[in-house]
Structures are given as structure tokens and as C-alpha cells.
Amino acid sequence: MPEKVQAETGNFTLPELDPILHSKLRLAIVSLLVGVEQADFLWLRAKSGATDGNLGAQLLKLEEAGYIQVEKHFVSRKPQSVYRLTAGGRAALADYVKALRTLLGPAL
């Protein structure tokens, strides 16, 4: 599990924000995967607008954190990577959203 940061200001304790999910593209990937059973690399690239290199790097970070799992196989001799959100990834996203709601409080 990645290190989380918590800070105190006066009487209010700022909620912890997961640094793995506190990245625009990684948060977008997890948000896309939460709504589908699985997604391939091309679909994620099209939906996120990311470059191949950036998307691949961010998917690897999510995989290393245990938030997603990847299955690689060949379709018509072409490699295909299929990604799924893990239970840990779903829990991390739920915690992240809860922390944001707490942080934003009355602004919502």
C-alpha cells in the first residue's frame, strides 16, 4: 500500500489522499475501469486521450500498487492487454472519493 500523507491545520485534520490516485491520468484510468468489467489498452487510450507511453507507464504504476490486474494474450497474432480493477483498487477509489468529500466539505 502506498504511503499516504495527512496534515493537521488548527482543529481540522486534512484527510489522507492516496498519492497513487492523486494523478490525473491514474485517477481517470481507475474511474474508467470502475464502470466496466474489463478494458483493453486501445479503449483506455481512446477514452483517456493519453499517449501510448504515458498510458503504459501509469498502468504499470497502478498494477504495481495492486489496483489493477493485466492479462496479456494474442489476438490474430497481435498482442492485446486487458485490464481489470481489483478489489483493492475499488477500495482505494472509494477511500479517495471519501477523503475528497471530507476535504471539500461544505463546498459540495
Protein backbone atom coordinates (compact mmCIF):
# COMPACT_ATOMS: atom_id res chain seq x y z
CA MET A 1 0.00 0.00 0.00
CA PRO A 2 1.42 3.41 -0.92
CA GLU A 3 2.32 5.92 1.75
CA LYS A 4 -0.43 8.41 2.47
CA VAL A 5 0.03 11.95 3.69
CA GLN A 6 -2.02 13.53 6.45
CA ALA A 7 -1.71 17.07 7.74
CA GLU A 8 -3.28 18.98 10.61
CA THR A 9 -4.42 22.57 10.45
CA GLY A 10 -5.84 24.02 13.62
CA ASN A 11 -8.72 21.81 14.76
CA PHE A 12 -9.23 20.27 11.32
CA THR A 13 -7.29 17.21 10.21
CA LEU A 14 -6.89 17.04 6.46
CA PRO A 15 -7.87 13.64 5.09
CA GLU A 16 -5.29 11.33 3.58
CA LEU A 17 -5.12 11.39 -0.23
CA ASP A 18 -3.66 8.34 -1.90
CA PRO A 19 -0.65 9.54 -3.96
CA ILE A 20 -1.17 6.73 -6.47
CA LEU A 21 -4.65 8.01 -7.31
CA HIS A 22 -3.74 11.67 -6.91
CA SER A 23 -2.64 11.82 -10.54
CA LYS A 24 -4.98 12.98 -13.25
CA LEU A 25 -4.37 10.07 -15.63
CA ARG A 26 -4.24 7.33 -12.98
CA LEU A 27 -7.48 8.63 -11.45
CA ALA A 28 -9.04 8.71 -14.93
CA ILE A 29 -7.95 5.11 -15.63
CA VAL A 30 -9.38 3.81 -12.36
CA SER A 31 -12.57 5.82 -12.89
CA LEU A 32 -12.97 4.30 -16.35
CA LEU A 33 -12.32 0.77 -15.12
CA VAL A 34 -14.79 1.02 -12.24
CA GLY A 35 -17.62 1.20 -14.77
CA VAL A 36 -16.64 -1.81 -16.89
CA GLU A 37 -15.72 -5.44 -16.26
CA GLN A 38 -12.52 -5.08 -18.28
CA ALA A 39 -10.96 -2.82 -20.89
CA ASP A 40 -8.17 -3.20 -23.40
CA PHE A 41 -5.29 -0.80 -23.89
CA LEU A 42 -6.75 0.74 -27.06
CA TRP A 43 -10.07 1.53 -25.37
CA LEU A 44 -8.33 3.11 -22.39
CA ARG A 45 -6.12 5.15 -24.72
CA ALA A 46 -9.12 6.39 -26.71
CA LYS A 47 -11.14 7.27 -23.60
CA SER A 48 -8.27 8.93 -21.73
CA GLY A 49 -6.62 10.71 -24.66
CA ALA A 50 -3.22 9.64 -23.32
CA THR A 51 -0.19 8.74 -25.41
CA ASP A 52 0.87 5.10 -25.55
CA GLY A 53 3.97 5.72 -23.45
CA ASN A 54 2.25 7.73 -20.73
CA LEU A 55 -0.70 5.36 -20.53
CA GLY A 56 1.61 2.35 -20.31
CA ALA A 57 3.66 3.94 -17.53
CA GLN A 58 0.58 4.87 -15.49
CA LEU A 59 -0.98 1.42 -15.97
CA LEU A 60 2.25 -0.13 -14.68
CA LYS A 61 2.15 2.07 -11.54
CA LEU A 62 -1.45 1.04 -10.90
CA GLU A 63 -0.55 -2.62 -11.43
CA GLU A 64 2.44 -2.39 -9.06
CA ALA A 65 0.17 -0.83 -6.43
CA GLY A 66 -2.23 -3.76 -6.81
CA TYR A 67 -5.07 -1.55 -8.03
CA ILE A 68 -5.42 -3.19 -11.43
CA GLN A 69 -4.51 -6.52 -12.94
CA VAL A 70 -3.48 -7.16 -16.52
CA GLU A 71 -3.95 -10.17 -18.73
CA LYS A 72 -1.86 -10.31 -21.89
CA HIS A 73 -2.62 -12.55 -24.84
CA PHE A 74 -2.56 -12.55 -28.64
CA VAL A 75 -5.47 -11.89 -30.98
CA SER A 76 -4.74 -12.63 -34.64
CA ARG A 77 -1.01 -12.63 -33.80
CA LYS A 78 -1.23 -9.17 -32.27
CA PRO A 79 -0.60 -8.61 -28.55
CA GLN A 80 -3.58 -7.47 -26.53
CA SER A 81 -3.56 -6.31 -22.91
CA VAL A 82 -6.79 -6.40 -20.94
CA TYR A 83 -7.08 -4.53 -17.63
CA ARG A 84 -9.39 -5.06 -14.69
CA LEU A 85 -9.84 -3.13 -11.47
CA THR A 86 -9.01 -5.24 -8.41
CA ALA A 87 -10.94 -5.27 -5.14
CA GLY A 88 -8.07 -3.25 -3.67
CA GLY A 89 -8.39 -0.75 -6.49
CA ARG A 90 -12.11 -0.35 -5.87
CA ALA A 91 -11.50 0.16 -2.16
CA ALA A 92 -8.72 2.68 -2.85
CA LEU A 93 -11.01 4.67 -5.17
CA ALA A 94 -13.83 4.64 -2.60
CA ASP A 95 -11.42 5.85 0.11
CA TYR A 96 -10.07 8.55 -2.22
CA VAL A 97 -13.56 9.83 -3.03
CA LYS A 98 -14.48 9.80 0.67
CA ALA A 99 -11.33 11.77 1.53
CA LEU A 100 -12.10 14.34 -1.18
CA ARG A 101 -15.65 14.75 0.11
CA THR A 102 -14.30 15.33 3.61
CA LEU A 103 -11.71 17.79 2.34
CA LEU A 104 -14.20 19.75 0.27
CA GLY A 105 -16.88 19.58 2.97
CA PRO A 106 -19.39 22.41 2.60
CA ALA A 107 -18.04 23.33 -0.84
CA LEU A 108 -20.02 20.40 -2.24
